[in-house]
């Protein structure tokens, strides 16, 4: 959590640099109920942002070609070969 807060603070610091000021960049408080109990840009505020709105944009998973056992290039169909009571699903 500490590193994530540090990254958010450094990102906010960038908005205080001359290049960003020249293009009118500014920090604006978000009007979100989950953050109302915090002081804007405080550690508690950043922690709340991370806990309430952080998501991953990358979800690495295993991917294998699906097909029948007779297909030499296939690993699975909706069942996983060689296992019992295990199913592959697409979400």
PDB file of N, CA and C in Angstrom:
ATOM      1  N   UNK A   1       0.825  -1.190   0.000  1.00  0.00           N
ATOM      2  CA  UNK A   1       0.000   0.000   0.000  1.00  0.00           C
ATOM      3  C   UNK A   1       0.871   1.256   0.000  1.00  0.00           C
ATOM      4  N   UNK A   2       1.968   1.215   0.752  1.00  0.00           N
ATOM      5  CA  UNK A   2       2.853   2.373   0.845  1.00  0.00           C
ATOM      6  C   UNK A   2       3.412   2.811  -0.495  1.00  0.00           C
ATOM      7  N   UNK A   3       3.849   1.849  -1.306  1.00  0.00           N
ATOM      8  CA  UNK A   3       4.399   2.185  -2.632  1.00  0.00           C
ATOM      9  C   UNK A   3       3.323   2.780  -3.528  1.00  0.00           C
ATOM     10  N   UNK A   4       2.116   2.238  -3.448  1.00  0.00           N
ATOM     11  CA  UNK A   4       1.017   2.755  -4.272  1.00  0.00           C
ATOM     12  C   UNK A   4       0.692   4.192  -3.899  1.00  0.00           C
ATOM     13  N   UNK A   5       0.694   4.480  -2.613  1.00  0.00           N
ATOM     14  CA  UNK A   5       0.447   5.853  -2.158  1.00  0.00           C
ATOM     15  C   UNK A   5       1.565   6.767  -2.653  1.00  0.00           C
ATOM     16  N   UNK A   6       2.796   6.290  -2.578  1.00  0.00           N
ATOM     17  CA  UNK A   6       3.939   7.076  -3.054  1.00  0.00           C
ATOM     18  C   UNK A   6       3.806   7.394  -4.544  1.00  0.00           C
ATOM     19  N   UNK A   7       3.375   6.427  -5.324  1.00  0.00           N
ATOM     20  CA  UNK A   7       3.191   6.640  -6.768  1.00  0.00           C
ATOM     21  C   UNK A   7       2.110   7.688  -7.014  1.00  0.00           C
ATOM     22  N   UNK A   8       1.003   7.605  -6.297  1.00  0.00           N
ATOM     23  CA  UNK A   8      -0.056   8.603  -6.467  1.00  0.00           C
ATOM     24  C   UNK A   8       0.434  10.001  -6.102  1.00  0.00           C
ATOM     25  N   UNK A   9       1.211  10.108  -5.042  1.00  0.00           N
ATOM     26  CA  UNK A   9       1.744  11.412  -4.632  1.00  0.00           C
ATOM     27  C   UNK A   9       2.696  11.975  -5.690  1.00  0.00           C
ATOM     28  N   UNK A  10       3.550  11.122  -6.211  1.00  0.00           N
ATOM     29  CA  UNK A  10       4.491  11.582  -7.246  1.00  0.00           C
ATOM     30  C   UNK A  10       3.748  12.003  -8.511  1.00  0.00           C
ATOM     31  N   UNK A  11       2.703  11.265  -8.835  1.00  0.00           N
ATOM     32  CA  UNK A  11       1.886  11.629  -9.994  1.00  0.00           C
ATOM     33  C   UNK A  11       1.254  12.995  -9.774  1.00  0.00           C
ATOM     34  N   UNK A  12       0.746  13.231  -8.587  1.00  0.00           N
ATOM     35  CA  UNK A  12       0.178  14.546  -8.268  1.00  0.00           C
ATOM     36  C   UNK A  12       1.238  15.637  -8.316  1.00  0.00           C
ATOM     37  N   UNK A  13       2.454  15.327  -7.882  1.00  0.00           N
ATOM     38  CA  UNK A  13       3.545  16.305  -7.926  1.00  0.00           C
ATOM     39  C   UNK A  13       3.852  16.737  -9.358  1.00  0.00           C
ATOM     40  N   UNK A  14       3.670  15.840 -10.299  1.00  0.00           N
ATOM     41  CA  UNK A  14       3.916  16.193 -11.701  1.00  0.00           C
ATOM     42  C   UNK A  14       3.011  17.336 -12.152  1.00  0.00           C
ATOM     43  N   UNK A  15       1.810  17.378 -11.623  1.00  0.00           N
ATOM     44  CA  UNK A  15       0.880  18.443 -12.003  1.00  0.00           C
ATOM     45  C   UNK A  15       1.337  19.817 -11.524  1.00  0.00           C
ATOM     46  N   UNK A  16       2.270  19.846 -10.586  1.00  0.00           N
ATOM     47  CA  UNK A  16       2.808  21.115 -10.087  1.00  0.00           C
ATOM     48  C   UNK A  16       4.014  21.601 -10.890  1.00  0.00           C
ATOM     49  N   UNK A  17       4.429  20.835 -11.883  1.00  0.00           N
ATOM     50  CA  UNK A  17       5.594  21.234 -12.678  1.00  0.00           C
ATOM     51  C   UNK A  17       5.199  22.268 -13.732  1.00  0.00           C
ATOM     52  N   UNK A  18       6.183  23.022 -14.186  1.00  0.00           N
ATOM     53  CA  UNK A  18       5.949  24.098 -15.151  1.00  0.00           C
ATOM     54  C   UNK A  18       5.247  23.613 -16.423  1.00  0.00           C
ATOM     55  N   UNK A  19       5.692  22.519 -17.049  1.00  0.00           N
ATOM     56  CA  UNK A  19       5.019  22.085 -18.279  1.00  0.00           C
ATOM     57  C   UNK A  19       3.522  21.815 -18.089  1.00  0.00           C
ATOM     58  N   UNK A  20       3.160  21.216 -16.980  1.00  0.00           N
ATOM     59  CA  UNK A  20       1.745  20.948 -16.743  1.00  0.00           C
ATOM     60  C   UNK A  20       0.981  22.227 -16.417  1.00  0.00           C
ATOM     61  N   UNK A  21       1.608  23.126 -15.675  1.00  0.00           N
ATOM     62  CA  UNK A  21       0.955  24.401 -15.357  1.00  0.00           C
ATOM     63  C   UNK A  21       0.720  25.211 -16.631  1.00  0.00           C
ATOM     64  N   UNK A  22       1.657  25.122 -17.584  1.00  0.00           N
ATOM     65  CA  UNK A  22       1.532  25.866 -18.836  1.00  0.00           C
ATOM     66  C   UNK A  22       0.341  25.410 -19.667  1.00  0.00           C
ATOM     67  N   UNK A  23      -0.062  24.169 -19.498  1.00  0.00           N
ATOM     68  CA  UNK A  23      -1.221  23.683 -20.263  1.00  0.00           C
ATOM     69  C   UNK A  23      -2.500  23.692 -19.421  1.00  0.00           C
ATOM     70  N   UNK A  24      -2.403  24.257 -18.225  1.00  0.00           N
ATOM     71  CA  UNK A  24      -3.584  24.421 -17.385  1.00  0.00           C
ATOM     72  C   UNK A  24      -3.993  23.198 -16.581  1.00  0.00           C
ATOM     73  N   UNK A  25      -3.077  22.259 -16.412  1.00  0.00           N
ATOM     74  CA  UNK A  25      -3.394  21.069 -15.614  1.00  0.00           C
ATOM     75  C   UNK A  25      -3.636  21.474 -14.170  1.00  0.00           C
ATOM     76  N   UNK A  26      -4.611  20.842 -13.554  1.00  0.00           N
ATOM     77  CA  UNK A  26      -4.941  21.168 -12.161  1.00  0.00           C
ATOM     78  C   UNK A  26      -5.448  19.931 -11.440  1.00  0.00           C
ATOM     79  N   UNK A  27      -5.322  19.964 -10.130  1.00  0.00           N
ATOM     80  CA  UNK A  27      -5.851  18.890  -9.285  1.00  0.00           C
ATOM     81  C   UNK A  27      -7.260  19.286  -8.873  1.00  0.00           C
ATOM     82  N   UNK A  28      -8.185  18.379  -9.057  1.00  0.00           N
ATOM     83  CA  UNK A  28      -9.563  18.656  -8.667  1.00  0.00           C
ATOM     84  C   UNK A  28     -10.066  17.549  -7.763  1.00  0.00           C
ATOM     85  N   UNK A  29     -10.702  17.931  -6.680  1.00  0.00           N
ATOM     86  CA  UNK A  29     -11.278  16.942  -5.768  1.00  0.00           C
ATOM     87  C   UNK A  29     -12.436  16.238  -6.463  1.00  0.00           C
ATOM     88  N   UNK A  30     -12.488  14.931  -6.296  1.00  0.00           N
ATOM     89  CA  UNK A  30     -13.578  14.154  -6.865  1.00  0.00           C
ATOM     90  C   UNK A  30     -14.752  14.174  -5.903  1.00  0.00           C
ATOM     91  N   UNK A  31     -15.925  14.358  -6.436  1.00  0.00           N
ATOM     92  CA  UNK A  31     -17.122  14.396  -5.608  1.00  0.00           C
ATOM     93  C   UNK A  31     -17.685  12.978  -5.477  1.00  0.00           C
ATOM     94  N   UNK A  32     -16.976  12.155  -4.727  1.00  0.00           N
ATOM     95  CA  UNK A  32     -17.358  10.758  -4.547  1.00  0.00           C
ATOM     96  C   UNK A  32     -17.541  10.512  -3.056  1.00  0.00           C
ATOM     97  N   UNK A  33     -18.685   9.961  -2.701  1.00  0.00           N
ATOM     98  CA  UNK A  33     -19.037   9.767  -1.290  1.00  0.00           C
ATOM     99  C   UNK A  33     -17.984   8.973  -0.523  1.00  0.00           C
ATOM    100  N   UNK A  34     -17.373   7.981  -1.157  1.00  0.00           N
ATOM    101  CA  UNK A  34     -16.392   7.132  -0.472  1.00  0.00           C
ATOM    102  C   UNK A  34     -15.169   7.916   0.003  1.00  0.00           C
ATOM    103  N   UNK A  35     -14.905   9.079  -0.585  1.00  0.00           N
ATOM    104  CA  UNK A  35     -13.721   9.868  -0.226  1.00  0.00           C
ATOM    105  C   UNK A  35     -14.050  11.046   0.685  1.00  0.00           C
ATOM    106  N   UNK A  36     -15.311  11.261   0.991  1.00  0.00           N
ATOM    107  CA  UNK A  36     -15.742  12.440   1.746  1.00  0.00           C
ATOM    108  C   UNK A  36     -15.138  12.527   3.145  1.00  0.00           C
ATOM    109  N   UNK A  37     -14.804  11.394   3.744  1.00  0.00           N
ATOM    110  CA  UNK A  37     -14.274  11.390   5.116  1.00  0.00           C
ATOM    111  C   UNK A  37     -12.768  11.662   5.160  1.00  0.00           C
ATOM    112  N   UNK A  38     -12.164  11.949   4.018  1.00  0.00           N
ATOM    113  CA  UNK A  38     -10.718  12.164   3.964  1.00  0.00           C
ATOM    114  C   UNK A  38     -10.392  13.598   3.561  1.00  0.00           C
ATOM    115  N   UNK A  39      -9.158  13.995   3.819  1.00  0.00           N
ATOM    116  CA  UNK A  39      -8.653  15.297   3.377  1.00  0.00           C
ATOM    117  C   UNK A  39      -8.039  15.093   1.995  1.00  0.00           C
ATOM    118  N   UNK A  40      -8.458  15.921   1.035  1.00  0.00           N
ATOM    119  CA  UNK A  40      -7.992  15.809  -0.347  1.00  0.00           C
ATOM    120  C   UNK A  40      -6.465  15.732  -0.413  1.00  0.00           C
ATOM    121  N   UNK A  41      -5.957  14.725  -1.085  1.00  0.00           N
ATOM    122  CA  UNK A  41      -4.544  14.451  -1.339  1.00  0.00           C
ATOM    123  C   UNK A  41      -3.754  14.009  -0.108  1.00  0.00           C
ATOM    124  N   UNK A  42      -4.422  13.699   0.984  1.00  0.00           N
ATOM    125  CA  UNK A  42      -3.726  13.159   2.161  1.00  0.00           C
ATOM    126  C   UNK A  42      -3.436  11.674   1.934  1.00  0.00           C
ATOM    127  N   UNK A  43      -2.595  11.099   2.785  1.00  0.00           N
ATOM    128  CA  UNK A  43      -2.321   9.660   2.685  1.00  0.00           C
ATOM    129  C   UNK A  43      -3.611   8.852   2.827  1.00  0.00           C
ATOM    130  N   UNK A  44      -4.469   9.282   3.742  1.00  0.00           N
ATOM    131  CA  UNK A  44      -5.744   8.584   3.938  1.00  0.00           C
ATOM    132  C   UNK A  44      -6.599   8.657   2.668  1.00  0.00           C
ATOM    133  N   UNK A  45      -6.584   9.808   2.007  1.00  0.00           N
ATOM    134  CA  UNK A  45      -7.304   9.988   0.746  1.00  0.00           C
ATOM    135  C   UNK A  45      -6.769   9.024  -0.309  1.00  0.00           C
ATOM    136  N   UNK A  46      -5.445   8.982  -0.453  1.00  0.00           N
ATOM    137  CA  UNK A  46      -4.847   8.089  -1.447  1.00  0.00           C
ATOM    138  C   UNK A  46      -5.141   6.624  -1.131  1.00  0.00           C
ATOM    139  N   UNK A  47      -5.055   6.261   0.135  1.00  0.00           N
ATOM    140  CA  UNK A  47      -5.357   4.885   0.537  1.00  0.00           C
ATOM    141  C   UNK A  47      -6.804   4.536   0.187  1.00  0.00           C
ATOM    142  N   UNK A  48      -7.697   5.460   0.429  1.00  0.00           N
ATOM    143  CA  UNK A  48      -9.107   5.243   0.123  1.00  0.00           C
ATOM    144  C   UNK A  48      -9.313   5.063  -1.383  1.00  0.00           C
ATOM    145  N   UNK A  49      -8.640   5.884  -2.183  1.00  0.00           N
ATOM    146  CA  UNK A  49      -8.734   5.740  -3.640  1.00  0.00           C
ATOM    147  C   UNK A  49      -8.281   4.350  -4.056  1.00  0.00           C
ATOM    148  N   UNK A  50      -7.162   3.919  -3.535  1.00  0.00           N
ATOM    149  CA  UNK A  50      -6.626   2.601  -3.886  1.00  0.00           C
ATOM    150  C   UNK A  50      -7.606   1.504  -3.485  1.00  0.00           C
ATOM    151  N   UNK A  51      -8.141   1.585  -2.287  1.00  0.00           N
ATOM    152  CA  UNK A  51      -9.053   0.547  -1.803  1.00  0.00           C
ATOM    153  C   UNK A  51     -10.387   0.554  -2.533  1.00  0.00           C
ATOM    154  N   UNK A  52     -10.857   1.723  -2.929  1.00  0.00           N
ATOM    155  CA  UNK A  52     -12.180   1.827  -3.536  1.00  0.00           C
ATOM    156  C   UNK A  52     -12.184   1.727  -5.055  1.00  0.00           C
ATOM    157  N   UNK A  53     -11.090   2.087  -5.702  1.00  0.00           N
ATOM    158  CA  UNK A  53     -11.167   2.162  -7.151  1.00  0.00           C
ATOM    159  C   UNK A  53     -10.024   1.545  -7.928  1.00  0.00           C
ATOM    160  N   UNK A  54      -9.080   0.944  -7.258  1.00  0.00           N
ATOM    161  CA  UNK A  54      -7.973   0.328  -7.991  1.00  0.00           C
ATOM    162  C   UNK A  54      -8.439  -0.959  -8.667  1.00  0.00           C
ATOM    163  N   UNK A  55      -8.092  -1.093  -9.931  1.00  0.00           N
ATOM    164  CA  UNK A  55      -8.391  -2.309 -10.692  1.00  0.00           C
ATOM    165  C   UNK A  55      -7.171  -2.657 -11.530  1.00  0.00           C
ATOM    166  N   UNK A  56      -7.061  -3.886 -11.892  1.00  0.00           N
ATOM    167  CA  UNK A  56      -5.978  -4.264 -12.785  1.00  0.00           C
ATOM    168  C   UNK A  56      -6.467  -4.155 -14.219  1.00  0.00           C
ATOM    169  N   UNK A  57      -5.576  -3.840 -15.100  1.00  0.00           N
ATOM    170  CA  UNK A  57      -5.925  -3.754 -16.511  1.00  0.00           C
ATOM    171  C   UNK A  57      -5.383  -4.958 -17.264  1.00  0.00           C
ATOM    172  N   UNK A  58      -4.678  -5.815 -16.577  1.00  0.00           N
ATOM    173  CA  UNK A  58      -4.042  -6.957 -17.211  1.00  0.00           C
ATOM    174  C   UNK A  58      -4.320  -8.184 -16.363  1.00  0.00           C
ATOM    175  N   UNK A  59      -4.891  -9.178 -16.974  1.00  0.00           N
ATOM    176  CA  UNK A  59      -5.247 -10.406 -16.260  1.00  0.00           C
ATOM    177  C   UNK A  59      -4.598 -11.598 -16.950  1.00  0.00           C
ATOM    178  N   UNK A  60      -3.331 -11.860 -16.654  1.00  0.00           N
ATOM    179  CA  UNK A  60      -2.674 -12.980 -17.324  1.00  0.00           C
ATOM    180  C   UNK A  60      -3.299 -14.309 -16.910  1.00  0.00           C
ATOM    181  N   UNK A  61      -3.559 -15.129 -17.887  1.00  0.00           N
ATOM    182  CA  UNK A  61      -4.107 -16.459 -17.618  1.00  0.00           C
ATOM    183  C   UNK A  61      -3.494 -17.449 -18.583  1.00  0.00           C
ATOM    184  N   UNK A  62      -3.800 -18.667 -18.388  1.00  0.00           N
ATOM    185  CA  UNK A  62      -3.347 -19.711 -19.302  1.00  0.00           C
ATOM    186  C   UNK A  62      -4.329 -19.801 -20.456  1.00  0.00           C
ATOM    187  N   UNK A  63      -3.809 -19.938 -21.640  1.00  0.00           N
ATOM    188  CA  UNK A  63      -4.651 -20.086 -22.811  1.00  0.00           C
ATOM    189  C   UNK A  63      -4.165 -21.281 -23.600  1.00  0.00           C
ATOM    190  N   UNK A  64      -5.077 -22.184 -23.882  1.00  0.00           N
ATOM    191  CA  UNK A  64      -4.753 -23.381 -24.650  1.00  0.00           C
ATOM    192  C   UNK A  64      -5.821 -23.583 -25.708  1.00  0.00           C
ATOM    193  N   UNK A  65      -5.420 -24.104 -26.833  1.00  0.00           N
ATOM    194  CA  UNK A  65      -6.361 -24.378 -27.905  1.00  0.00           C
ATOM    195  C   UNK A  65      -7.340 -25.456 -27.464  1.00  0.00           C
ATOM    196  N   UNK A  66      -8.632 -25.212 -27.708  1.00  0.00           N
ATOM    197  CA  UNK A  66      -9.649 -26.200 -27.378  1.00  0.00           C
ATOM    198  C   UNK A  66      -9.977 -27.030 -28.607  1.00  0.00           C
ATOM    199  N   UNK A  67     -10.219 -28.295 -28.387  1.00  0.00           N
ATOM    200  CA  UNK A  67     -10.605 -29.183 -29.470  1.00  0.00           C
ATOM    201  C   UNK A  67     -10.720 -30.606 -28.971  1.00  0.00           C
ATOM    202  N   UNK A  68     -11.097 -31.513 -29.852  1.00  0.00           N
ATOM    203  CA  UNK A  68     -11.252 -32.913 -29.443  1.00  0.00           C
ATOM    204  C   UNK A  68      -9.900 -33.568 -29.181  1.00  0.00           C
ATOM    205  N   UNK A  69      -9.923 -34.669 -28.445  1.00  0.00           N
ATOM    206  CA  UNK A  69      -8.684 -35.394 -28.146  1.00  0.00           C
ATOM    207  C   UNK A  69      -7.971 -35.837 -29.416  1.00  0.00           C
ATOM    208  N   UNK A  70      -8.726 -36.052 -30.483  1.00  0.00           N
ATOM    209  CA  UNK A  70      -8.122 -36.522 -31.735  1.00  0.00           C
ATOM    210  C   UNK A  70      -7.285 -35.443 -32.426  1.00  0.00           C
ATOM    211  N   UNK A  71      -7.453 -34.190 -32.067  1.00  0.00           N
ATOM    212  CA  UNK A  71      -6.687 -33.087 -32.654  1.00  0.00           C
ATOM    213  C   UNK A  71      -5.355 -32.974 -31.921  1.00  0.00           C
ATOM    214  N   UNK A  72      -4.253 -33.267 -32.610  1.00  0.00           N
ATOM    215  CA  UNK A  72      -2.916 -33.255 -32.007  1.00  0.00           C
ATOM    216  C   UNK A  72      -2.526 -31.878 -31.454  1.00  0.00           C
ATOM    217  N   UNK A  73      -3.120 -30.806 -31.986  1.00  0.00           N
ATOM    218  CA  UNK A  73      -2.769 -29.449 -31.555  1.00  0.00           C
ATOM    219  C   UNK A  73      -3.677 -28.906 -30.456  1.00  0.00           C
ATOM    220  N   UNK A  74      -4.636 -29.700 -30.006  1.00  0.00           N
ATOM    221  CA  UNK A  74      -5.558 -29.258 -28.959  1.00  0.00           C
ATOM    222  C   UNK A  74      -5.120 -29.779 -27.603  1.00  0.00           C
ATOM    223  N   UNK A  75      -5.411 -28.997 -26.591  1.00  0.00           N
ATOM    224  CA  UNK A  75      -5.078 -29.396 -25.232  1.00  0.00           C
ATOM    225  C   UNK A  75      -6.342 -29.765 -24.466  1.00  0.00           C
ATOM    226  N   UNK A  76      -7.403 -28.998 -24.676  1.00  0.00           N
ATOM    227  CA  UNK A  76      -8.642 -29.218 -23.930  1.00  0.00           C
ATOM    228  C   UNK A  76      -9.861 -28.997 -24.808  1.00  0.00           C
ATOM    229  N   UNK A  77     -10.988 -29.549 -24.405  1.00  0.00           N
ATOM    230  CA  UNK A  77     -12.287 -29.088 -24.868  1.00  0.00           C
ATOM    231  C   UNK A  77     -12.936 -28.499 -23.622  1.00  0.00           C
ATOM    232  N   UNK A  78     -14.250 -28.535 -23.453  1.00  0.00           N
ATOM    233  CA  UNK A  78     -14.827 -27.944 -22.238  1.00  0.00           C
ATOM    234  C   UNK A  78     -14.436 -28.726 -20.984  1.00  0.00           C
ATOM    235  N   UNK A  79     -13.890 -29.918 -21.161  1.00  0.00           N
ATOM    236  CA  UNK A  79     -13.325 -30.689 -20.049  1.00  0.00           C
ATOM    237  C   UNK A  79     -11.801 -30.571 -20.149  1.00  0.00           C
ATOM    238  N   UNK A  80     -11.120 -30.700 -19.061  1.00  0.00           N
ATOM    239  CA  UNK A  80      -9.660 -30.718 -19.076  1.00  0.00           C
ATOM    240  C   UNK A  80      -9.228 -32.166 -19.127  1.00  0.00           C
ATOM    241  N   UNK A  81      -8.521 -32.547 -20.176  1.00  0.00           N
ATOM    242  CA  UNK A  81      -8.127 -33.943 -20.352  1.00  0.00           C
ATOM    243  C   UNK A  81      -7.313 -34.438 -19.165  1.00  0.00           C
ATOM    244  N   UNK A  82      -7.600 -35.650 -18.732  1.00  0.00           N
ATOM    245  CA  UNK A  82      -6.830 -36.260 -17.660  1.00  0.00           C
ATOM    246  C   UNK A  82      -7.235 -35.834 -16.260  1.00  0.00           C
ATOM    247  N   UNK A  83      -8.334 -35.090 -16.145  1.00  0.00           N
ATOM    248  CA  UNK A  83      -8.817 -34.693 -14.820  1.00  0.00           C
ATOM    249  C   UNK A  83     -10.245 -35.169 -14.651  1.00  0.00           C
ATOM    250  N   UNK A  84     -10.718 -35.118 -13.439  1.00  0.00           N
ATOM    251  CA  UNK A  84     -12.085 -35.519 -13.142  1.00  0.00           C
ATOM    252  C   UNK A  84     -12.830 -34.327 -12.560  1.00  0.00           C
ATOM    253  N   UNK A  85     -14.026 -34.069 -13.031  1.00  0.00           N
ATOM    254  CA  UNK A  85     -14.915 -33.021 -12.495  1.00  0.00           C
ATOM    255  C   UNK A  85     -14.299 -31.627 -12.552  1.00  0.00           C
ATOM    256  N   UNK A  86     -13.576 -31.338 -13.602  1.00  0.00           N
ATOM    257  CA  UNK A  86     -12.975 -30.020 -13.783  1.00  0.00           C
ATOM    258  C   UNK A  86     -13.471 -29.480 -15.117  1.00  0.00           C
ATOM    259  N   UNK A  87     -13.944 -28.244 -15.165  1.00  0.00           N
ATOM    260  CA  UNK A  87     -14.465 -27.659 -16.392  1.00  0.00           C
ATOM    261  C   UNK A  87     -13.782 -26.332 -16.683  1.00  0.00           C
ATOM    262  N   UNK A  88     -13.621 -26.027 -17.943  1.00  0.00           N
ATOM    263  CA  UNK A  88     -13.079 -24.755 -18.402  1.00  0.00           C
ATOM    264  C   UNK A  88     -14.267 -23.849 -18.682  1.00  0.00           C
ATOM    265  N   UNK A  89     -14.198 -22.601 -18.281  1.00  0.00           N
ATOM    266  CA  UNK A  89     -15.287 -21.666 -18.545  1.00  0.00           C
ATOM    267  C   UNK A  89     -14.736 -20.386 -19.140  1.00  0.00           C
ATOM    268  N   UNK A  90     -15.555 -19.720 -19.915  1.00  0.00           N
ATOM    269  CA  UNK A  90     -15.226 -18.391 -20.426  1.00  0.00           C
ATOM    270  C   UNK A  90     -16.068 -17.395 -19.660  1.00  0.00           C
ATOM    271  N   UNK A  91     -15.435 -16.393 -19.109  1.00  0.00           N
ATOM    272  CA  UNK A  91     -16.174 -15.359 -18.379  1.00  0.00           C
ATOM    273  C   UNK A  91     -16.190 -14.091 -19.180  1.00  0.00           C
TER     274      UNK A  91
END
